[in-house]
Amino acid sequence: MDPVTLSSIMNVMKEFLPPYTSVAVADSEKFIYYQPSKLVDLRIRPGEPYKAGSGAAKAITERHEISEYIDSDVYGIPYYAVSVPLFNDAQVVGAVTTIFPAKPSPIAANFFTVKSEDCWYPVAYENIVYLEAENRKTKVQSVSGEGYHKMNLTELEFMLPNDYFIRVHRSYIVNVKHIEEIQPDSHSTFLLVMKDRTKIPVSQTYASSFRKALNF
């Protein structure tokens, strides 16, 4: 494929991907396109061969989609790859790989550390009510109080477990286990009443995925 055409197609595809996603396209021997994100950059250069053990190498060799954690031994940092092989008839001619930041280790799987005044506190996921974007940081509201985390909502959205948390607005992520009511609001959206009586809007951008996640 012509490099200009490929670049144009991938620029359109990026509109459908989360902003923290890096994208790489390889032919049967080397990378021909790479676009890093702000959260994960493998420093791939178009024209260089893909490395053994990478997402692209596995998809091309195994001839099927792979979705797995890739160790830091391959590109210097750990990452999570979803790689799909490209076929011309029955022949594998390359692969498209979406690259995500590595999920947190299992050690930190059940709590979140926030700063309040001059101290840091671990807060169990089940006790977090919602997260709110505030002055380039994130306010974390828990059942016992509030604190702040230096990461923004987009970064935290990927890190937090999907069985607890869902993005409902550009400025909010909520813990679904702390939703008391879902009220209809204007423009086919919703207003959430949390168990602490905080009211949080579901924006039109997230309304469809919110309904799908909660099965209604």
N, C-alpha and C. Protein backbone atom coordinates (compact mmCIF):
# COMPACT_ATOMS: atom_id res chain seq x y z
N MET A 1 0.84 -1.20 0.00
CA MET A 1 0.00 0.00 0.00
C MET A 1 0.88 1.24 0.00
N ASP A 2 0.46 2.27 -0.71
CA ASP A 2 1.20 3.52 -0.76
C ASP A 2 1.28 4.13 0.64
N PRO A 3 2.47 4.60 1.07
CA PRO A 3 2.63 5.14 2.43
C PRO A 3 1.69 6.29 2.75
N VAL A 4 1.43 7.16 1.74
CA VAL A 4 0.52 8.28 1.97
C VAL A 4 -0.90 7.79 2.22
N THR A 5 -1.34 6.80 1.45
CA THR A 5 -2.67 6.23 1.64
C THR A 5 -2.79 5.55 2.99
N LEU A 6 -1.76 4.78 3.37
CA LEU A 6 -1.76 4.09 4.66
C LEU A 6 -1.85 5.09 5.80
N SER A 7 -1.05 6.15 5.72
CA SER A 7 -1.07 7.16 6.77
C SER A 7 -2.44 7.82 6.89
N SER A 8 -3.08 8.08 5.76
CA SER A 8 -4.41 8.70 5.77
C SER A 8 -5.44 7.78 6.41
N ILE A 9 -5.39 6.49 6.08
CA ILE A 9 -6.32 5.51 6.65
C ILE A 9 -6.13 5.41 8.16
N MET A 10 -4.87 5.36 8.61
CA MET A 10 -4.60 5.20 10.04
C MET A 10 -5.00 6.46 10.81
N ASN A 11 -4.87 7.62 10.19
CA ASN A 11 -5.31 8.85 10.85
C ASN A 11 -6.81 8.84 11.09
N VAL A 12 -7.56 8.25 10.16
CA VAL A 12 -9.01 8.11 10.36
C VAL A 12 -9.30 7.08 11.44
N MET A 13 -8.58 5.96 11.42
CA MET A 13 -8.79 4.91 12.43
C MET A 13 -8.56 5.41 13.84
N LYS A 14 -7.62 6.34 14.02
CA LYS A 14 -7.32 6.84 15.36
C LYS A 14 -8.52 7.50 16.02
N GLU A 15 -9.45 8.01 15.20
CA GLU A 15 -10.65 8.64 15.75
C GLU A 15 -11.53 7.63 16.47
N PHE A 16 -11.38 6.34 16.15
CA PHE A 16 -12.21 5.30 16.75
C PHE A 16 -11.51 4.58 17.89
N LEU A 17 -10.28 4.99 18.20
CA LEU A 17 -9.50 4.31 19.23
C LEU A 17 -9.34 5.21 20.45
N PRO A 18 -9.19 4.63 21.65
CA PRO A 18 -8.91 5.45 22.84
C PRO A 18 -7.64 6.27 22.62
N PRO A 19 -7.55 7.46 23.22
CA PRO A 19 -6.41 8.35 22.96
C PRO A 19 -5.07 7.82 23.46
N TYR A 20 -5.08 6.80 24.33
CA TYR A 20 -3.82 6.26 24.84
C TYR A 20 -3.31 5.09 24.00
N THR A 21 -3.88 4.89 22.82
CA THR A 21 -3.53 3.74 21.98
C THR A 21 -2.44 4.10 20.97
N SER A 22 -1.37 3.33 20.95
CA SER A 22 -0.38 3.41 19.87
C SER A 22 -0.76 2.39 18.80
N VAL A 23 -0.40 2.68 17.55
CA VAL A 23 -0.76 1.79 16.44
C VAL A 23 0.46 1.52 15.58
N ALA A 24 0.67 0.23 15.23
CA ALA A 24 1.77 -0.15 14.34
C ALA A 24 1.23 -1.06 13.25
N VAL A 25 1.73 -0.87 12.04
CA VAL A 25 1.37 -1.73 10.91
C VAL A 25 2.66 -2.33 10.35
N ALA A 26 2.66 -3.64 10.16
CA ALA A 26 3.84 -4.33 9.62
C ALA A 26 3.46 -5.08 8.36
N ASP A 27 4.44 -5.21 7.45
CA ASP A 27 4.27 -6.17 6.37
C ASP A 27 4.87 -7.49 6.84
N SER A 28 5.20 -8.37 5.96
CA SER A 28 5.67 -9.69 6.39
C SER A 28 7.06 -9.67 7.02
N GLU A 29 7.77 -8.53 6.92
CA GLU A 29 9.14 -8.48 7.45
C GLU A 29 9.43 -7.30 8.36
N LYS A 30 8.74 -6.19 8.16
CA LYS A 30 9.13 -4.97 8.87
C LYS A 30 7.91 -4.09 9.14
N PHE A 31 8.10 -3.09 10.00
CA PHE A 31 7.06 -2.11 10.25
C PHE A 31 7.03 -1.10 9.10
N ILE A 32 5.82 -0.74 8.68
CA ILE A 32 5.68 0.26 7.62
C ILE A 32 4.93 1.50 8.10
N TYR A 33 4.40 1.43 9.34
CA TYR A 33 3.71 2.59 9.92
C TYR A 33 3.75 2.46 11.44
N TYR A 34 3.95 3.61 12.11
CA TYR A 34 3.89 3.59 13.57
C TYR A 34 3.45 4.97 14.06
N GLN A 35 2.48 4.98 14.97
CA GLN A 35 2.01 6.21 15.59
C GLN A 35 1.94 6.00 17.10
N PRO A 36 2.84 6.61 17.87
CA PRO A 36 2.82 6.41 19.33
C PRO A 36 1.75 7.26 20.00
N SER A 37 1.40 6.90 21.22
CA SER A 37 0.51 7.72 22.04
C SER A 37 1.35 8.37 23.13
N LYS A 38 0.71 9.23 23.91
CA LYS A 38 1.42 9.90 24.99
C LYS A 38 1.73 8.96 26.15
N LEU A 39 0.98 7.86 26.26
CA LEU A 39 1.15 6.96 27.40
C LEU A 39 2.11 5.81 27.14
N VAL A 40 2.24 5.38 25.91
CA VAL A 40 3.14 4.26 25.63
C VAL A 40 3.78 4.47 24.26
N ASP A 41 5.13 4.46 24.25
CA ASP A 41 5.87 4.64 23.00
C ASP A 41 6.98 3.61 22.94
N LEU A 42 6.87 2.66 22.02
CA LEU A 42 7.87 1.60 21.87
C LEU A 42 9.06 2.06 21.01
N ARG A 43 9.00 3.30 20.54
CA ARG A 43 10.09 3.88 19.72
C ARG A 43 10.38 3.03 18.48
N ILE A 44 9.32 2.55 17.88
CA ILE A 44 9.43 1.80 16.63
C ILE A 44 9.67 2.79 15.48
N ARG A 45 10.52 2.41 14.56
CA ARG A 45 10.76 3.24 13.38
C ARG A 45 10.32 2.48 12.13
N PRO A 46 9.46 3.09 11.31
CA PRO A 46 9.08 2.42 10.07
C PRO A 46 10.31 2.02 9.26
N GLY A 47 10.31 0.80 8.76
CA GLY A 47 11.44 0.28 8.02
C GLY A 47 12.28 -0.71 8.80
N GLU A 48 12.11 -0.72 10.14
CA GLU A 48 12.87 -1.67 10.94
C GLU A 48 12.09 -2.97 11.11
N PRO A 49 12.78 -4.12 11.15
CA PRO A 49 12.10 -5.40 11.31
C PRO A 49 11.38 -5.48 12.66
N TYR A 50 10.26 -6.17 12.71
CA TYR A 50 9.61 -6.39 14.00
C TYR A 50 10.41 -7.45 14.77
N LYS A 51 10.38 -7.33 16.08
CA LYS A 51 11.19 -8.20 16.93
C LYS A 51 10.45 -9.48 17.29
N ALA A 52 11.21 -10.55 17.44
CA ALA A 52 10.63 -11.81 17.92
C ALA A 52 10.01 -11.58 19.29
N GLY A 53 8.84 -12.13 19.50
CA GLY A 53 8.15 -11.96 20.77
C GLY A 53 7.22 -10.78 20.82
N SER A 54 7.26 -9.92 19.78
CA SER A 54 6.35 -8.78 19.74
C SER A 54 4.95 -9.22 19.34
N GLY A 55 3.98 -8.34 19.52
CA GLY A 55 2.62 -8.67 19.12
C GLY A 55 2.52 -8.96 17.63
N ALA A 56 3.19 -8.13 16.81
CA ALA A 56 3.16 -8.34 15.36
C ALA A 56 3.75 -9.69 14.99
N ALA A 57 4.91 -10.03 15.58
CA ALA A 57 5.57 -11.30 15.26
C ALA A 57 4.69 -12.49 15.61
N LYS A 58 4.01 -12.41 16.76
CA LYS A 58 3.17 -13.53 17.17
C LYS A 58 1.95 -13.69 16.27
N ALA A 59 1.33 -12.57 15.89
CA ALA A 59 0.15 -12.65 15.03
C ALA A 59 0.51 -13.19 13.65
N ILE A 60 1.65 -12.76 13.12
CA ILE A 60 2.07 -13.22 11.79
C ILE A 60 2.49 -14.68 11.83
N THR A 61 3.22 -15.06 12.86
CA THR A 61 3.69 -16.45 12.97
C THR A 61 2.57 -17.42 13.25
N GLU A 62 1.67 -17.02 14.17
CA GLU A 62 0.60 -17.92 14.60
C GLU A 62 -0.64 -17.83 13.70
N ARG A 63 -0.69 -16.82 12.83
CA ARG A 63 -1.75 -16.67 11.84
C ARG A 63 -3.14 -16.45 12.43
N HIS A 64 -3.17 -15.84 13.59
CA HIS A 64 -4.47 -15.49 14.18
C HIS A 64 -4.28 -14.30 15.12
N GLU A 65 -5.38 -13.68 15.51
CA GLU A 65 -5.34 -12.53 16.41
C GLU A 65 -4.76 -12.93 17.76
N ILE A 66 -3.92 -12.07 18.31
CA ILE A 66 -3.42 -12.29 19.66
C ILE A 66 -3.75 -11.08 20.52
N SER A 67 -4.06 -11.33 21.77
CA SER A 67 -4.32 -10.26 22.74
C SER A 67 -3.61 -10.66 24.02
N GLU A 68 -2.46 -10.06 24.27
CA GLU A 68 -1.70 -10.48 25.44
C GLU A 68 -0.67 -9.46 25.88
N TYR A 69 -0.21 -9.66 27.11
CA TYR A 69 0.83 -8.85 27.71
C TYR A 69 2.17 -9.21 27.08
N ILE A 70 2.94 -8.19 26.68
CA ILE A 70 4.26 -8.39 26.11
C ILE A 70 5.30 -7.85 27.10
N ASP A 71 6.24 -8.70 27.47
CA ASP A 71 7.23 -8.34 28.49
C ASP A 71 8.17 -7.24 28.01
N SER A 72 8.79 -6.54 28.95
CA SER A 72 9.71 -5.45 28.64
C SER A 72 10.98 -5.91 27.94
N ASP A 73 11.24 -7.22 27.92
CA ASP A 73 12.43 -7.74 27.23
C ASP A 73 12.40 -7.44 25.73
N VAL A 74 11.21 -7.24 25.16
CA VAL A 74 11.10 -7.06 23.71
C VAL A 74 11.44 -5.63 23.28
N TYR A 75 10.73 -4.64 23.88
CA TYR A 75 10.96 -3.25 23.47
C TYR A 75 11.36 -2.32 24.61
N GLY A 76 11.77 -2.89 25.73
CA GLY A 76 12.26 -2.06 26.81
C GLY A 76 11.22 -1.65 27.83
N ILE A 77 9.94 -1.71 27.46
CA ILE A 77 8.86 -1.42 28.39
C ILE A 77 7.76 -2.45 28.18
N PRO A 78 7.04 -2.82 29.22
CA PRO A 78 5.94 -3.77 29.04
C PRO A 78 4.76 -3.09 28.37
N TYR A 79 3.98 -3.85 27.62
CA TYR A 79 2.79 -3.28 27.00
C TYR A 79 1.78 -4.40 26.74
N TYR A 80 0.57 -4.00 26.44
CA TYR A 80 -0.48 -4.96 26.11
C TYR A 80 -0.80 -4.80 24.63
N ALA A 81 -0.73 -5.88 23.87
CA ALA A 81 -0.90 -5.83 22.42
C ALA A 81 -2.16 -6.56 21.98
N VAL A 82 -2.87 -5.95 21.05
CA VAL A 82 -3.92 -6.64 20.30
C VAL A 82 -3.47 -6.57 18.84
N SER A 83 -3.08 -7.71 18.28
CA SER A 83 -2.50 -7.74 16.94
C SER A 83 -3.30 -8.67 16.04
N VAL A 84 -3.65 -8.16 14.86
CA VAL A 84 -4.48 -8.91 13.91
C VAL A 84 -3.68 -9.13 12.63
N PRO A 85 -3.53 -10.39 12.18
CA PRO A 85 -2.79 -10.64 10.94
C PRO A 85 -3.57 -10.19 9.71
N LEU A 86 -2.87 -9.79 8.68
CA LEU A 86 -3.47 -9.40 7.41
C LEU A 86 -3.22 -10.49 6.38
N PHE A 87 -4.25 -10.89 5.65
CA PHE A 87 -4.14 -11.99 4.70
C PHE A 87 -4.35 -11.49 3.26
N ASN A 88 -3.62 -12.09 2.36
CA ASN A 88 -3.88 -11.98 0.93
C ASN A 88 -4.15 -13.41 0.46
N ASP A 89 -5.43 -13.72 0.25
CA ASP A 89 -5.86 -15.11 0.06
C ASP A 89 -5.47 -15.89 1.32
N ALA A 90 -4.65 -16.90 1.21
CA ALA A 90 -4.29 -17.71 2.38
C ALA A 90 -2.93 -17.31 2.96
N GLN A 91 -2.30 -16.31 2.38
CA GLN A 91 -0.96 -15.94 2.81
C GLN A 91 -1.00 -14.74 3.76
N VAL A 92 -0.28 -14.85 4.87
CA VAL A 92 -0.17 -13.73 5.81
C VAL A 92 0.81 -12.72 5.23
N VAL A 93 0.35 -11.47 5.09
CA VAL A 93 1.21 -10.45 4.48
C VAL A 93 1.57 -9.33 5.45
N GLY A 94 1.11 -9.45 6.69
CA GLY A 94 1.44 -8.42 7.67
C GLY A 94 0.52 -8.48 8.87
N ALA A 95 0.52 -7.39 9.66
CA ALA A 95 -0.32 -7.34 10.85
C ALA A 95 -0.54 -5.89 11.28
N VAL A 96 -1.71 -5.63 11.84
CA VAL A 96 -2.01 -4.35 12.47
C VAL A 96 -2.05 -4.58 13.98
N THR A 97 -1.30 -3.76 14.72
CA THR A 97 -1.21 -3.93 16.17
C THR A 97 -1.61 -2.67 16.89
N THR A 98 -2.55 -2.79 17.83
CA THR A 98 -2.85 -1.69 18.75
C THR A 98 -2.11 -1.96 20.04
N ILE A 99 -1.49 -0.93 20.58
CA ILE A 99 -0.58 -1.07 21.70
C ILE A 99 -1.09 -0.22 22.86
N PHE A 100 -1.27 -0.85 24.01
CA PHE A 100 -1.81 -0.18 25.18
C PHE A 100 -0.80 -0.22 26.32
N PRO A 101 -0.89 0.72 27.27
CA PRO A 101 -0.03 0.62 28.45
C PRO A 101 -0.31 -0.67 29.19
N ALA A 102 0.72 -1.23 29.82
CA ALA A 102 0.54 -2.47 30.57
C ALA A 102 -0.39 -2.23 31.75
N LYS A 103 -1.24 -3.20 32.03
CA LYS A 103 -2.11 -3.12 33.19
C LYS A 103 -1.27 -3.15 34.46
N PRO A 104 -1.77 -2.59 35.58
CA PRO A 104 -1.03 -2.64 36.83
C PRO A 104 -0.78 -4.08 37.27
N SER A 105 0.25 -4.27 38.07
CA SER A 105 0.56 -5.61 38.57
C SER A 105 -0.53 -6.08 39.52
N PRO A 106 -0.70 -7.41 39.69
CA PRO A 106 -1.72 -7.94 40.59
C PRO A 106 -1.55 -7.47 42.03
N ILE A 107 -0.34 -7.06 42.40
CA ILE A 107 -0.09 -6.60 43.77
C ILE A 107 -0.96 -5.40 44.09
N ALA A 108 -1.15 -4.53 43.07
CA ALA A 108 -1.93 -3.30 43.28
C ALA A 108 -3.33 -3.42 42.72
N ALA A 109 -3.85 -4.65 42.67
CA ALA A 109 -5.10 -4.89 41.95
C ALA A 109 -6.35 -4.51 42.73
N ASN A 110 -6.26 -4.30 44.02
CA ASN A 110 -7.47 -4.10 44.80
C ASN A 110 -7.54 -2.77 45.53
N PHE A 111 -6.56 -1.90 45.32
CA PHE A 111 -6.61 -0.61 45.99
C PHE A 111 -5.98 0.48 45.13
N PHE A 112 -6.19 1.71 45.56
CA PHE A 112 -5.77 2.89 44.82
C PHE A 112 -5.20 3.85 45.85
N THR A 113 -4.06 4.46 45.57
CA THR A 113 -3.42 5.35 46.55
C THR A 113 -3.66 6.81 46.17
N VAL A 114 -4.20 7.58 47.11
CA VAL A 114 -4.49 8.98 46.87
C VAL A 114 -3.77 9.85 47.90
N LYS A 115 -3.61 11.12 47.53
CA LYS A 115 -2.96 12.07 48.44
C LYS A 115 -4.01 13.01 49.02
N SER A 116 -3.95 13.19 50.35
CA SER A 116 -4.83 14.13 51.03
C SER A 116 -3.98 14.93 52.00
N GLU A 117 -3.94 16.24 51.78
CA GLU A 117 -3.05 17.12 52.52
C GLU A 117 -1.60 16.65 52.32
N ASP A 118 -0.90 16.25 53.37
CA ASP A 118 0.51 15.87 53.22
C ASP A 118 0.75 14.37 53.35
N CYS A 119 -0.30 13.56 53.23
CA CYS A 119 -0.16 12.12 53.40
C CYS A 119 -0.79 11.38 52.22
N TRP A 120 -0.38 10.14 52.06
CA TRP A 120 -0.96 9.26 51.05
C TRP A 120 -1.74 8.15 51.73
N TYR A 121 -2.86 7.77 51.13
CA TYR A 121 -3.73 6.77 51.72
C TYR A 121 -4.14 5.74 50.67
N PRO A 122 -3.99 4.44 50.99
CA PRO A 122 -4.54 3.42 50.08
C PRO A 122 -6.05 3.31 50.29
N VAL A 123 -6.79 3.32 49.18
CA VAL A 123 -8.25 3.23 49.25
C VAL A 123 -8.67 2.01 48.44
N ALA A 124 -9.43 1.12 49.03
CA ALA A 124 -9.92 -0.06 48.30
C ALA A 124 -10.85 0.38 47.18
N TYR A 125 -10.76 -0.30 46.04
CA TYR A 125 -11.60 0.04 44.90
C TYR A 125 -13.08 0.09 45.28
N GLU A 126 -13.50 -0.85 46.10
CA GLU A 126 -14.92 -0.92 46.44
C GLU A 126 -15.40 0.30 47.22
N ASN A 127 -14.45 1.06 47.81
CA ASN A 127 -14.83 2.23 48.60
C ASN A 127 -14.74 3.54 47.82
N ILE A 128 -14.28 3.48 46.55
CA ILE A 128 -14.24 4.68 45.72
C ILE A 128 -15.63 4.90 45.12
N VAL A 129 -16.17 6.10 45.29
CA VAL A 129 -17.50 6.42 44.77
C VAL A 129 -17.40 6.93 43.33
N TYR A 130 -16.53 7.92 43.10
CA TYR A 130 -16.34 8.44 41.74
C TYR A 130 -15.00 9.17 41.65
N LEU A 131 -14.57 9.42 40.42
CA LEU A 131 -13.37 10.20 40.15
C LEU A 131 -13.77 11.37 39.27
N GLU A 132 -13.18 12.54 39.55
CA GLU A 132 -13.55 13.76 38.83
C GLU A 132 -12.30 14.51 38.38
N ALA A 133 -12.28 14.92 37.11
CA ALA A 133 -11.17 15.74 36.61
C ALA A 133 -11.21 17.10 37.28
N GLU A 134 -10.06 17.53 37.79
CA GLU A 134 -10.01 18.80 38.49
C GLU A 134 -8.61 19.39 38.42
N ASN A 135 -8.46 20.48 37.67
CA ASN A 135 -7.18 21.19 37.57
C ASN A 135 -6.01 20.29 37.20
N ARG A 136 -6.17 19.52 36.11
CA ARG A 136 -5.13 18.65 35.57
C ARG A 136 -4.77 17.48 36.48
N LYS A 137 -5.52 17.31 37.55
CA LYS A 137 -5.38 16.15 38.43
C LYS A 137 -6.73 15.45 38.50
N THR A 138 -6.82 14.44 39.32
CA THR A 138 -8.08 13.73 39.49
C THR A 138 -8.47 13.71 40.96
N LYS A 139 -9.65 14.20 41.23
CA LYS A 139 -10.18 14.09 42.60
C LYS A 139 -10.80 12.72 42.76
N VAL A 140 -10.44 12.04 43.82
CA VAL A 140 -10.96 10.70 44.11
C VAL A 140 -11.86 10.81 45.33
N GLN A 141 -13.15 10.60 45.13
CA GLN A 141 -14.12 10.66 46.22
C GLN A 141 -14.40 9.24 46.72
N SER A 142 -14.09 8.99 47.98
CA SER A 142 -14.35 7.68 48.56
C SER A 142 -15.39 7.80 49.66
N VAL A 143 -15.80 6.68 50.22
CA VAL A 143 -16.82 6.71 51.28
C VAL A 143 -16.29 7.38 52.54
N SER A 144 -14.97 7.48 52.68
CA SER A 144 -14.38 8.05 53.89
C SER A 144 -13.83 9.44 53.69
N GLY A 145 -13.89 9.98 52.46
CA GLY A 145 -13.37 11.32 52.22
C GLY A 145 -12.85 11.45 50.80
N GLU A 146 -12.08 12.50 50.58
CA GLU A 146 -11.56 12.73 49.24
C GLU A 146 -10.05 12.93 49.24
N GLY A 147 -9.44 12.65 48.11
CA GLY A 147 -8.02 12.86 47.92
C GLY A 147 -7.77 13.11 46.45
N TYR A 148 -6.50 13.19 46.08
CA TYR A 148 -6.16 13.52 44.70
C TYR A 148 -5.09 12.58 44.15
N HIS A 149 -5.16 12.37 42.85
CA HIS A 149 -4.14 11.57 42.16
C HIS A 149 -3.60 12.40 41.02
N LYS A 150 -2.27 12.29 40.76
CA LYS A 150 -1.63 13.12 39.74
C LYS A 150 -2.00 12.72 38.32
N MET A 151 -2.44 11.45 38.11
CA MET A 151 -2.82 11.02 36.77
C MET A 151 -4.17 11.63 36.37
N ASN A 152 -4.36 11.81 35.05
CA ASN A 152 -5.64 12.32 34.58
C ASN A 152 -6.63 11.18 34.37
N LEU A 153 -7.87 11.53 34.04
CA LEU A 153 -8.92 10.51 33.91
C LEU A 153 -8.65 9.50 32.81
N THR A 154 -8.09 9.95 31.70
CA THR A 154 -7.83 9.05 30.59
C THR A 154 -6.81 7.99 30.99
N GLU A 155 -5.77 8.39 31.70
CA GLU A 155 -4.77 7.44 32.18
C GLU A 155 -5.38 6.46 33.18
N LEU A 156 -6.18 6.98 34.09
CA LEU A 156 -6.79 6.13 35.12
C LEU A 156 -7.87 5.22 34.55
N GLU A 157 -8.55 5.67 33.50
CA GLU A 157 -9.60 4.86 32.88
C GLU A 157 -9.05 3.51 32.43
N PHE A 158 -7.83 3.52 31.90
CA PHE A 158 -7.25 2.26 31.45
C PHE A 158 -6.81 1.40 32.62
N MET A 159 -6.30 2.02 33.68
CA MET A 159 -5.74 1.28 34.80
C MET A 159 -6.79 0.62 35.68
N LEU A 160 -7.94 1.28 35.83
CA LEU A 160 -8.95 0.80 36.78
C LEU A 160 -9.74 -0.38 36.22
N PRO A 161 -10.15 -1.31 37.09
CA PRO A 161 -10.87 -2.51 36.62
C PRO A 161 -12.25 -2.20 36.06
N ASN A 162 -12.57 -2.82 34.93
CA ASN A 162 -13.84 -2.57 34.26
C ASN A 162 -15.05 -3.06 35.04
N ASP A 163 -14.85 -4.01 35.95
CA ASP A 163 -16.00 -4.52 36.69
C ASP A 163 -16.45 -3.56 37.80
N TYR A 164 -15.66 -2.53 38.07
CA TYR A 164 -16.04 -1.51 39.04
C TYR A 164 -16.36 -0.17 38.37
N PHE A 165 -15.51 0.24 37.44
CA PHE A 165 -15.52 1.63 37.00
C PHE A 165 -15.92 1.79 35.53
N ILE A 166 -16.63 2.89 35.27
CA ILE A 166 -17.05 3.20 33.90
C ILE A 166 -17.00 4.70 33.69
N ARG A 167 -16.51 5.11 32.52
CA ARG A 167 -16.47 6.53 32.16
C ARG A 167 -17.87 6.95 31.74
N VAL A 168 -18.38 8.05 32.31
CA VAL A 168 -19.73 8.51 31.98
C VAL A 168 -19.74 9.94 31.45
N HIS A 169 -18.59 10.59 31.52
CA HIS A 169 -18.52 12.00 31.14
C HIS A 169 -17.05 12.34 30.95
N ARG A 170 -16.79 13.40 30.19
CA ARG A 170 -15.40 13.85 30.02
C ARG A 170 -14.74 14.10 31.38
N SER A 171 -15.53 14.45 32.38
CA SER A 171 -14.98 14.82 33.69
C SER A 171 -15.23 13.79 34.79
N TYR A 172 -15.90 12.66 34.47
CA TYR A 172 -16.25 11.72 35.53
C TYR A 172 -16.06 10.25 35.15
N ILE A 173 -15.55 9.49 36.10
CA ILE A 173 -15.61 8.03 36.09
C ILE A 173 -16.31 7.63 37.38
N VAL A 174 -17.28 6.73 37.30
CA VAL A 174 -18.02 6.33 38.50
C VAL A 174 -17.81 4.86 38.81
N ASN A 175 -17.97 4.54 40.08
CA ASN A 175 -17.99 3.16 40.52
C ASN A 175 -19.44 2.69 40.45
N VAL A 176 -19.74 1.75 39.56
CA VAL A 176 -21.13 1.35 39.34
C VAL A 176 -21.76 0.76 40.60
N LYS A 177 -20.96 0.28 41.53
CA LYS A 177 -21.51 -0.31 42.75
C LYS A 177 -21.98 0.76 43.73
N HIS A 178 -21.70 2.03 43.41
CA HIS A 178 -22.16 3.12 44.27
C HIS A 178 -23.25 3.95 43.60
N ILE A 179 -23.83 3.45 42.51
CA ILE A 179 -24.95 4.15 41.87
C ILE A 179 -26.24 3.77 42.60
N GLU A 180 -26.96 4.77 43.08
CA GLU A 180 -28.23 4.54 43.76
C GLU A 180 -29.39 4.56 42.77
N GLU A 181 -29.40 5.54 41.87
CA GLU A 181 -30.47 5.68 40.88
C GLU A 181 -29.90 6.15 39.55
N ILE A 182 -30.60 5.79 38.46
CA ILE A 182 -30.30 6.30 37.13
C ILE A 182 -31.54 7.03 36.65
N GLN A 183 -31.48 8.34 36.59
CA GLN A 183 -32.64 9.13 36.22
C GLN A 183 -32.53 9.62 34.78
N PRO A 184 -33.64 9.66 34.04
CA PRO A 184 -33.59 10.22 32.67
C PRO A 184 -33.29 11.71 32.72
N ASP A 185 -32.54 12.16 31.75
CA ASP A 185 -32.20 13.57 31.65
C ASP A 185 -32.44 14.02 30.21
N SER A 186 -32.23 15.26 29.92
CA SER A 186 -32.48 15.78 28.57
C SER A 186 -31.51 15.21 27.55
N HIS A 187 -31.90 15.29 26.28
CA HIS A 187 -31.07 14.87 25.15
C HIS A 187 -30.68 13.38 25.23
N SER A 188 -31.59 12.55 25.69
CA SER A 188 -31.40 11.09 25.72
C SER A 188 -30.22 10.67 26.60
N THR A 189 -29.91 11.45 27.61
CA THR A 189 -28.84 11.08 28.54
C THR A 189 -29.44 10.80 29.91
N PHE A 190 -28.56 10.69 30.91
CA PHE A 190 -29.01 10.29 32.24
C PHE A 190 -28.33 11.12 33.32
N LEU A 191 -28.95 11.09 34.48
CA LEU A 191 -28.37 11.70 35.67
C LEU A 191 -28.23 10.61 36.72
N LEU A 192 -27.02 10.43 37.23
CA LEU A 192 -26.78 9.40 38.23
C LEU A 192 -26.86 10.01 39.62
N VAL A 193 -27.60 9.35 40.49
CA VAL A 193 -27.62 9.72 41.90
C VAL A 193 -26.82 8.65 42.63
N MET A 194 -25.68 9.06 43.17
CA MET A 194 -24.81 8.11 43.85
C MET A 194 -25.32 7.85 45.27
N LYS A 195 -24.82 6.85 45.91
CA LYS A 195 -25.29 6.49 47.25
C LYS A 195 -24.95 7.55 48.29
N ASP A 196 -23.96 8.42 47.97
CA ASP A 196 -23.67 9.53 48.88
C ASP A 196 -24.48 10.76 48.52
N ARG A 197 -25.42 10.62 47.57
CA ARG A 197 -26.37 11.63 47.07
C ARG A 197 -25.73 12.62 46.11
N THR A 198 -24.50 12.42 45.72
CA THR A 198 -23.90 13.24 44.67
C THR A 198 -24.61 12.95 43.35
N LYS A 199 -24.84 13.98 42.56
CA LYS A 199 -25.47 13.81 41.25
C LYS A 199 -24.42 14.01 40.16
N ILE A 200 -24.34 13.03 39.25
CA ILE A 200 -23.32 13.05 38.20
C ILE A 200 -24.00 12.84 36.85
N PRO A 201 -23.73 13.72 35.88
CA PRO A 201 -24.35 13.58 34.56
C PRO A 201 -23.66 12.51 33.71
N VAL A 202 -24.45 11.83 32.89
CA VAL A 202 -23.92 10.96 31.84
C VAL A 202 -24.04 11.76 30.55
N SER A 203 -22.92 12.07 29.93
CA SER A 203 -22.98 12.90 28.72
C SER A 203 -23.44 12.08 27.52
N GLN A 204 -23.86 12.77 26.48
CA GLN A 204 -24.36 12.10 25.28
C GLN A 204 -23.28 11.22 24.66
N THR A 205 -22.02 11.63 24.76
CA THR A 205 -20.92 10.86 24.20
C THR A 205 -20.82 9.47 24.82
N TYR A 206 -21.12 9.37 26.11
CA TYR A 206 -20.94 8.11 26.83
C TYR A 206 -22.26 7.39 27.12
N ALA A 207 -23.40 7.97 26.73
CA ALA A 207 -24.70 7.39 27.08
C ALA A 207 -24.89 5.99 26.52
N SER A 208 -24.52 5.78 25.25
CA SER A 208 -24.72 4.47 24.62
C SER A 208 -23.87 3.39 25.28
N SER A 209 -22.58 3.67 25.50
CA SER A 209 -21.71 2.67 26.14
C SER A 209 -22.11 2.43 27.57
N PHE A 210 -22.65 3.46 28.25
CA PHE A 210 -23.13 3.29 29.62
C PHE A 210 -24.32 2.34 29.66
N ARG A 211 -25.28 2.52 28.75
CA ARG A 211 -26.43 1.63 28.71
C ARG A 211 -26.02 0.21 28.40
N LYS A 212 -25.10 0.07 27.48
CA LYS A 212 -24.65 -1.27 27.11
C LYS A 212 -23.94 -1.96 28.28
N ALA A 213 -23.12 -1.21 29.01
CA ALA A 213 -22.39 -1.77 30.13
C ALA A 213 -23.32 -2.23 31.25
N LEU A 214 -24.42 -1.49 31.44
CA LEU A 214 -25.36 -1.82 32.52
C LEU A 214 -26.57 -2.59 32.03
N ASN A 215 -26.55 -2.98 30.75
CA ASN A 215 -27.58 -3.86 30.19
C ASN A 215 -29.00 -3.31 30.31
N PHE A 216 -29.20 -2.07 29.85
CA PHE A 216 -30.58 -1.57 29.82
C PHE A 216 -30.79 -0.67 28.61
